[in-house]
Protein backbone atom coordinates (compact mmCIF):
# COMPACT_ATOMS: atom_id res chain seq x y z
CA MET A 1 6.16 35.55 -15.14
CA ASN A 2 9.66 34.24 -15.30
CA ILE A 3 10.60 30.64 -16.03
CA ARG A 4 11.40 29.89 -12.37
CA THR A 5 7.88 30.92 -11.30
CA ASN A 6 6.37 28.71 -14.02
CA ILE A 7 8.50 25.73 -12.96
CA ASN A 8 7.53 26.23 -9.31
CA LYS A 9 3.84 26.39 -10.27
CA VAL A 10 4.11 23.15 -12.29
CA MET A 11 5.96 21.36 -9.49
CA PHE A 12 3.38 22.54 -6.94
CA SER A 13 0.54 21.29 -9.21
CA ILE A 14 2.22 17.89 -9.54
CA ILE A 15 2.75 17.58 -5.79
CA ILE A 16 -0.84 18.65 -5.04
CA GLY A 17 -2.12 16.23 -7.70
CA VAL A 18 -0.24 13.34 -6.12
CA VAL A 19 -1.45 14.24 -2.65
CA ILE A 20 -5.06 14.72 -3.73
CA CYS A 21 -5.22 11.77 -6.12
CA GLY A 22 -3.04 9.30 -4.28
CA THR A 23 -3.35 5.72 -5.39
CA THR A 24 -6.66 4.01 -5.95
CA THR A 25 -7.57 0.47 -6.73
CA SER A 26 -10.77 -1.19 -7.66
CA THR A 27 -11.44 -4.89 -7.81
CA ASN A 28 -13.46 -4.60 -11.02
CA ALA A 29 -11.83 -1.84 -13.06
CA THR A 30 -8.83 0.37 -13.45
CA THR A 31 -9.28 3.86 -12.05
CA MET A 32 -7.49 6.95 -13.28
CA CYS A 33 -6.75 10.10 -11.36
CA VAL A 34 -6.95 13.30 -13.40
CA THR A 35 -5.85 16.64 -12.03
CA ASP A 36 -5.32 20.17 -13.30
CA ASP A 37 -4.81 23.57 -11.65
CA ASN A 38 -8.42 23.66 -10.44
CA ASN A 39 -9.63 20.20 -9.53
CA SER A 40 -8.92 16.52 -9.27
CA ILE A 41 -11.21 13.59 -9.98
CA ILE A 42 -10.79 9.84 -10.10
CA LEU A 43 -12.34 8.34 -13.22
CA ASP A 44 -13.80 5.03 -12.15
CA PRO A 45 -15.36 3.01 -14.98
CA SER A 46 -17.13 0.70 -12.52
CA LYS A 47 -19.41 3.57 -11.39
CA GLN A 48 -22.60 4.33 -13.34
CA GLY A 49 -23.41 7.89 -14.32
CA THR A 50 -26.26 9.80 -12.72
CA GLU A 51 -27.18 12.28 -15.46
CA MET A 52 -26.40 12.98 -19.11
CA ARG A 53 -26.86 15.78 -21.62
CA HIS A 54 -26.22 16.03 -25.33
CA ASP A 55 -26.41 18.65 -28.06
CA ARG A 56 -27.17 17.35 -31.55
CA PRO A 57 -26.06 20.39 -33.61
CA THR A 58 -22.61 20.62 -32.00
CA LYS A 59 -22.35 16.84 -31.36
CA THR A 60 -21.23 17.43 -27.77
CA TRP A 61 -22.20 15.47 -24.67
CA THR A 62 -21.77 15.50 -20.90
CA THR A 63 -22.21 12.75 -18.34
CA THR A 64 -22.26 13.37 -14.59
CA PHE A 65 -20.94 10.85 -12.07
CA SER A 66 -20.65 10.86 -8.29
CA TYR A 67 -16.95 11.73 -8.76
CA GLY A 68 -17.38 14.54 -11.32
CA THR A 69 -18.36 15.37 -14.87
CA VAL A 70 -17.03 13.92 -18.11
CA SER A 71 -17.56 15.79 -21.40
CA GLY A 72 -16.92 14.88 -24.97
CA ILE A 73 -17.63 15.12 -28.66
CA ALA A 74 -19.24 12.76 -31.16
CA THR A 75 -18.78 12.25 -34.86
CA CYS A 76 -20.44 10.30 -37.63
CA ASN A 77 -17.91 8.92 -40.05
CA SER A 78 -17.53 6.47 -42.92
CA THR A 79 -14.87 4.58 -40.91
CA SER A 80 -16.08 1.45 -39.14
CA GLY A 81 -14.75 -0.01 -35.91
CA THR A 82 -15.42 -2.64 -33.27
CA TYR A 83 -17.54 -1.76 -30.23
CA PRO A 84 -16.21 -0.55 -27.79
CA ALA A 85 -12.61 -0.41 -29.00
CA ALA A 86 -10.46 2.73 -28.79
CA TYR A 87 -8.56 3.81 -31.90
CA PRO A 88 -5.75 6.24 -31.00
CA GLN A 89 -4.61 6.30 -34.64
CA TYR A 90 -7.79 8.11 -35.75
CA ASN A 91 -8.24 11.86 -35.63
CA PHE A 92 -11.72 13.05 -36.56
CA ASP A 93 -11.49 16.28 -34.50
CA ASN A 94 -11.37 18.69 -37.43
CA ASN A 95 -14.87 17.91 -38.66
CA HIS A 96 -16.83 16.28 -35.84
CA ALA A 97 -19.73 18.77 -35.85
CA SER A 98 -20.28 18.63 -39.61
CA SER A 99 -19.40 14.98 -40.09
CA THR A 100 -21.21 12.49 -42.28
CA GLY A 101 -21.38 8.71 -42.33
CA VAL A 102 -23.23 5.95 -40.50
CA TYR A 103 -20.58 5.04 -37.91
CA CYS A 104 -20.88 6.83 -34.56
CA TRP A 105 -17.64 7.61 -32.68
CA CYS A 106 -17.10 9.22 -29.25
CA ARG A 107 -14.20 11.07 -27.64
CA MET A 108 -13.87 12.37 -24.10
CA THR A 109 -12.51 15.93 -24.11
CA SER A 110 -12.71 16.79 -20.40
CA PRO A 111 -11.25 16.33 -17.84
CA VAL A 112 -8.72 14.74 -20.23
CA ARG A 113 -8.82 13.82 -23.90
CA SER A 114 -9.29 10.17 -24.89
CA ALA A 115 -8.82 8.37 -28.17
CA TRP A 116 -11.84 7.97 -30.43
CA VAL A 117 -13.96 5.02 -29.28
CA PHE A 118 -16.29 3.23 -31.67
CA ASN A 119 -19.91 3.38 -30.53
CA ALA A 120 -22.31 2.00 -33.15
CA LYS A 121 -23.37 1.70 -36.76
CA ARG A 122 -26.56 3.64 -37.42
CA GLU A 123 -29.17 2.99 -40.12
CA SER A 124 -28.48 6.16 -42.11
CA GLU A 125 -26.41 9.35 -42.06
CA SER A 126 -29.39 11.35 -40.80
CA ASP A 127 -30.02 8.79 -38.05
CA CYS A 128 -26.36 8.97 -37.03
CA ALA A 129 -26.36 12.77 -37.06
CA SER A 130 -29.43 12.95 -34.84
CA ALA A 131 -28.49 10.17 -32.39
CA CYS A 132 -24.69 10.00 -32.08
CA SER A 133 -24.16 12.55 -29.29
CA TYR A 134 -27.03 10.96 -27.36
CA ARG A 135 -25.47 7.48 -27.79
CA CYS A 136 -22.08 8.74 -26.59
CA ALA A 137 -23.59 10.29 -23.45
CA ASP A 138 -25.81 7.26 -22.80
CA ARG A 139 -23.05 4.66 -23.24
CA THR A 140 -20.67 6.70 -21.11
CA MET A 141 -23.32 6.87 -18.40
CA SER A 142 -24.55 3.28 -18.49
CA ALA A 143 -22.03 0.89 -20.12
CA GLN A 144 -18.97 -0.07 -18.06
CA THR A 145 -17.11 -1.66 -20.99
CA PHE A 146 -17.55 1.56 -22.96
CA ARG A 147 -16.26 3.69 -20.04
CA GLU A 148 -13.28 1.33 -19.69
CA SER A 149 -12.31 2.00 -23.32
CA VAL A 150 -12.84 5.74 -23.05
CA TYR A 151 -10.99 6.14 -19.74
CA GLY A 152 -8.34 3.60 -20.66
CA SER A 153 -7.45 5.51 -23.81
CA ALA A 154 -7.14 8.89 -22.05
CA GLY A 155 -4.08 10.79 -23.13
CA MET A 156 -3.73 8.89 -26.41
């Protein structure tokens, strides 16, 4: 492909994204429209999730909403935080699956990447390792303030 074809494709994607996403407002929370070449969803933190899944060994999680699916990763770390604050200055990506520590952190990876959001302090490293991905999926599904931090830090 030449550069002109690539530019046309990007411009078309932007135009389609604007048309599909439009502008949304919610009285209780800020919504965010996310689009790529294949789909478009509006992340609405005021809406509860309907289903969740997690995988302890890989520390990955998925939460399903009426508007689409959100996926992410979890990590246990020795760095503390305040629930449910987002910390764009942290980057735990390189070792999330083999992480150690008692502090559980969550990051949305799809449909867009968020900052790391502090979830909870666990009793032990083994407790954190076995429960962190579950806690990320559960809080994303059921806690509006947590979703607001995750969605609000998207792109950071």
